[in-house]
N, C-alpha and C. Protein backbone atom coordinates (compact mmCIF):
# COMPACT_ATOMS: atom_id res chain seq x y z
N MET A 1 0.58 -1.19 -0.03
CA MET A 1 0.37 0.01 0.24
C MET A 1 0.52 1.19 -0.24
N LYS A 2 0.27 2.09 -0.65
CA LYS A 2 1.04 3.60 -0.40
C LYS A 2 0.26 4.05 -0.39
N VAL A 3 0.64 6.01 -0.22
CA VAL A 3 0.17 6.73 0.74
C VAL A 3 0.23 7.85 -0.73
N GLN A 4 -0.52 9.18 -0.72
CA GLN A 4 -0.12 10.39 -1.52
C GLN A 4 -1.13 11.35 -1.26
N ILE A 5 -0.41 12.18 -1.03
CA ILE A 5 -0.82 13.54 -0.87
C ILE A 5 -1.42 14.44 -2.27
N ASP A 6 -2.87 14.90 -3.02
CA ASP A 6 -3.03 15.73 -4.14
C ASP A 6 -2.68 17.48 -3.25
N PRO A 7 -1.84 17.80 -3.86
CA PRO A 7 -1.64 19.00 -3.22
C PRO A 7 -2.23 20.08 -4.01
N GLN A 8 -3.38 20.03 -4.75
CA GLN A 8 -4.38 20.88 -5.41
C GLN A 8 -5.90 21.00 -4.14
N ARG A 9 -5.69 19.64 -3.62
CA ARG A 9 -6.97 19.64 -2.31
C ARG A 9 -6.27 19.99 -1.06
N CYS A 10 -4.91 19.88 -0.93
CA CYS A 10 -4.40 20.24 0.31
C CYS A 10 -4.76 21.68 1.08
N HIS A 11 -5.03 22.26 1.79
CA HIS A 11 -5.04 23.42 2.80
C HIS A 11 -3.93 23.37 4.16
N GLY A 12 -3.31 22.62 4.04
CA GLY A 12 -2.63 22.49 5.29
C GLY A 12 -3.05 22.78 6.67
N HIS A 13 -4.24 22.40 7.07
CA HIS A 13 -4.67 21.69 8.45
C HIS A 13 -3.69 21.22 9.40
N GLY A 14 -3.19 19.79 8.35
CA GLY A 14 -1.95 19.41 9.56
C GLY A 14 -2.22 17.94 9.76
N ARG A 15 -3.80 18.19 9.84
CA ARG A 15 -3.52 16.40 10.46
C ARG A 15 -2.70 15.31 10.63
N CYS A 16 -2.35 15.44 9.43
CA CYS A 16 -1.94 13.72 8.50
C CYS A 16 -0.58 13.71 9.52
N TYR A 17 0.37 14.43 9.92
CA TYR A 17 1.28 14.56 10.14
C TYR A 17 1.47 14.42 11.52
N ASP A 18 0.06 15.52 12.38
CA ASP A 18 -0.22 15.42 13.98
C ASP A 18 -0.86 14.29 13.60
N LEU A 19 -1.36 12.85 13.08
CA LEU A 19 -1.70 11.83 13.09
C LEU A 19 -0.72 10.64 13.01
N ALA A 20 0.01 10.83 11.57
CA ALA A 20 0.74 9.89 11.55
C ALA A 20 2.32 10.34 10.95
N PRO A 21 3.32 10.83 11.71
CA PRO A 21 4.55 10.92 11.90
C PRO A 21 5.07 10.70 11.25
N GLY A 22 5.21 9.58 10.94
CA GLY A 22 5.82 8.27 10.24
C GLY A 22 5.76 8.39 9.05
N LEU A 23 4.67 8.37 8.52
CA LEU A 23 4.17 8.49 6.72
C LEU A 23 3.97 9.88 6.43
N PHE A 24 4.00 11.34 7.20
CA PHE A 24 3.64 12.60 6.55
C PHE A 24 4.75 13.50 7.52
N SER A 25 5.07 14.69 6.84
CA SER A 25 5.88 15.71 7.32
C SER A 25 4.84 16.94 6.36
N GLU A 26 5.69 17.85 6.97
CA GLU A 26 5.27 19.24 6.63
C GLU A 26 6.20 19.97 5.61
N ASP A 27 5.36 20.76 4.28
CA ASP A 27 7.08 22.04 3.78
C ASP A 27 6.87 22.50 4.26
N ASP A 28 7.74 23.83 3.92
CA ASP A 28 8.01 24.22 4.29
C ASP A 28 6.72 26.04 4.99
N GLU A 29 5.39 25.30 3.64
CA GLU A 29 4.50 26.75 4.39
C GLU A 29 3.17 26.10 5.39
N GLY A 30 4.15 24.17 5.72
CA GLY A 30 3.20 23.90 6.53
C GLY A 30 2.15 22.94 5.79
N TYR A 31 1.68 22.90 4.48
CA TYR A 31 1.59 21.85 3.98
C TYR A 31 2.28 20.31 3.45
N GLY A 32 1.21 19.21 3.73
CA GLY A 32 0.96 18.24 4.16
C GLY A 32 2.19 17.65 3.16
N GLN A 33 2.85 16.66 2.73
CA GLN A 33 3.73 15.96 2.24
C GLN A 33 4.02 14.63 2.73
N VAL A 34 4.55 13.83 1.61
CA VAL A 34 4.36 12.29 2.34
C VAL A 34 6.17 12.10 2.29
N ALA A 35 6.49 11.32 3.41
CA ALA A 35 7.07 11.20 3.84
C ALA A 35 7.78 10.07 3.19
N GLY A 36 8.97 10.30 2.64
CA GLY A 36 10.08 8.73 2.71
C GLY A 36 9.77 7.65 1.30
N ASP A 37 9.40 6.91 0.86
CA ASP A 37 8.82 6.47 -0.79
C ASP A 37 7.16 6.48 -0.58
N SER A 38 6.85 6.74 0.11
CA SER A 38 5.24 7.08 0.37
C SER A 38 5.07 5.40 0.33
N ALA A 39 5.62 3.90 0.74
CA ALA A 39 5.12 2.85 1.07
C ALA A 39 4.57 2.42 2.07
N VAL A 40 3.51 2.10 3.15
CA VAL A 40 2.98 2.50 4.03
C VAL A 40 3.28 1.39 4.58
N PRO A 41 4.15 0.79 5.61
CA PRO A 41 4.75 -0.44 6.30
C PRO A 41 3.47 -0.50 7.36
N PRO A 42 2.74 -2.27 6.84
CA PRO A 42 2.07 -2.65 7.38
C PRO A 42 1.57 -2.48 9.29
N ASP A 43 2.66 -2.34 9.97
CA ASP A 43 2.09 -1.85 11.24
C ASP A 43 1.31 -0.59 11.72
N GLN A 44 1.33 0.78 10.17
CA GLN A 44 1.17 2.03 10.50
C GLN A 44 -0.12 1.76 9.39
N GLU A 45 -0.59 0.90 8.67
CA GLU A 45 -1.97 0.80 7.67
C GLU A 45 -2.74 1.28 8.74
N HIS A 46 -2.86 1.19 9.92
CA HIS A 46 -4.15 1.67 10.70
C HIS A 46 -3.86 3.19 10.47
N VAL A 47 -2.47 3.69 11.19
CA VAL A 47 -2.59 5.27 10.80
C VAL A 47 -2.66 5.90 9.92
N ALA A 48 -2.18 5.25 8.85
CA ALA A 48 -3.09 5.93 7.17
C ALA A 48 -4.46 5.69 7.24
N ARG A 49 -4.97 4.69 7.55
CA ARG A 49 -6.29 5.28 7.31
C ARG A 49 -6.95 6.03 8.26
N LEU A 50 -6.26 6.48 8.88
CA LEU A 50 -6.93 7.53 10.17
C LEU A 50 -6.47 8.85 9.80
N ALA A 51 -5.57 8.92 8.86
CA ALA A 51 -4.87 10.29 8.43
C ALA A 51 -5.59 10.50 7.33
N VAL A 52 -6.15 9.41 6.44
CA VAL A 52 -6.65 9.78 5.30
C VAL A 52 -8.63 10.57 5.66
N SER A 53 -9.10 9.99 6.73
CA SER A 53 -10.35 9.83 7.25
C SER A 53 -10.49 11.13 8.15
N ASN A 54 -9.44 11.62 8.48
CA ASN A 54 -9.36 13.44 8.98
C ASN A 54 -9.27 13.86 8.68
N CYS A 55 -8.80 13.75 6.95
CA CYS A 55 -8.32 14.93 5.80
C CYS A 55 -9.25 15.70 5.96
N PRO A 56 -10.16 16.33 5.91
CA PRO A 56 -10.88 17.76 5.91
C PRO A 56 -11.46 17.66 4.50
N GLU A 57 -10.17 18.25 3.53
CA GLU A 57 -9.72 17.96 2.82
C GLU A 57 -10.25 16.70 1.37
N ARG A 58 -9.93 15.58 2.05
CA ARG A 58 -10.27 14.68 1.22
C ARG A 58 -8.99 14.33 0.58
N ALA A 59 -7.52 15.11 1.05
CA ALA A 59 -6.68 14.86 0.21
C ALA A 59 -5.33 14.29 0.00
N ILE A 60 -5.56 12.83 0.63
CA ILE A 60 -5.32 11.73 1.24
C ILE A 60 -6.11 10.65 0.02
N ASP A 61 -5.34 9.85 -0.69
CA ASP A 61 -5.89 8.42 -1.02
C ASP A 61 -3.96 7.77 -0.60
N LEU A 62 -4.85 6.30 0.11
CA LEU A 62 -4.28 5.51 -0.12
C LEU A 62 -4.39 4.39 -1.58
N VAL A 63 -3.25 4.09 -2.09
CA VAL A 63 -2.81 3.15 -3.13
C VAL A 63 -2.54 1.63 -2.84
N GLU A 64 -3.24 0.45 -3.13
CA GLU A 64 -3.51 -0.31 -2.89
C GLU A 64 -2.55 -1.03 -3.92
N GLU A 65 -1.52 -1.57 -3.33
CA GLU A 65 -0.29 -1.97 -4.90
C GLU A 65 -0.73 -3.66 -5.20
N ALA A 66 -0.38 -3.34 -6.94
CA ALA A 66 -1.27 -5.04 -7.53
C ALA A 66 -0.09 -5.78 -7.08
């Protein structure tokens, strides 16, 4: 599973990096960005889903890998 943020929808609320700091970070302006290679380790899937469900703009997507 991979995580991605749509920068066009992100308004910089910061919930993603507050809830899942291992998966997200903030850029210089406070907008969320994916940390690392965007892969979600199995033990982080719960917090990834939590970040998705708590994003007010629905800017975060989880992509299942084939």
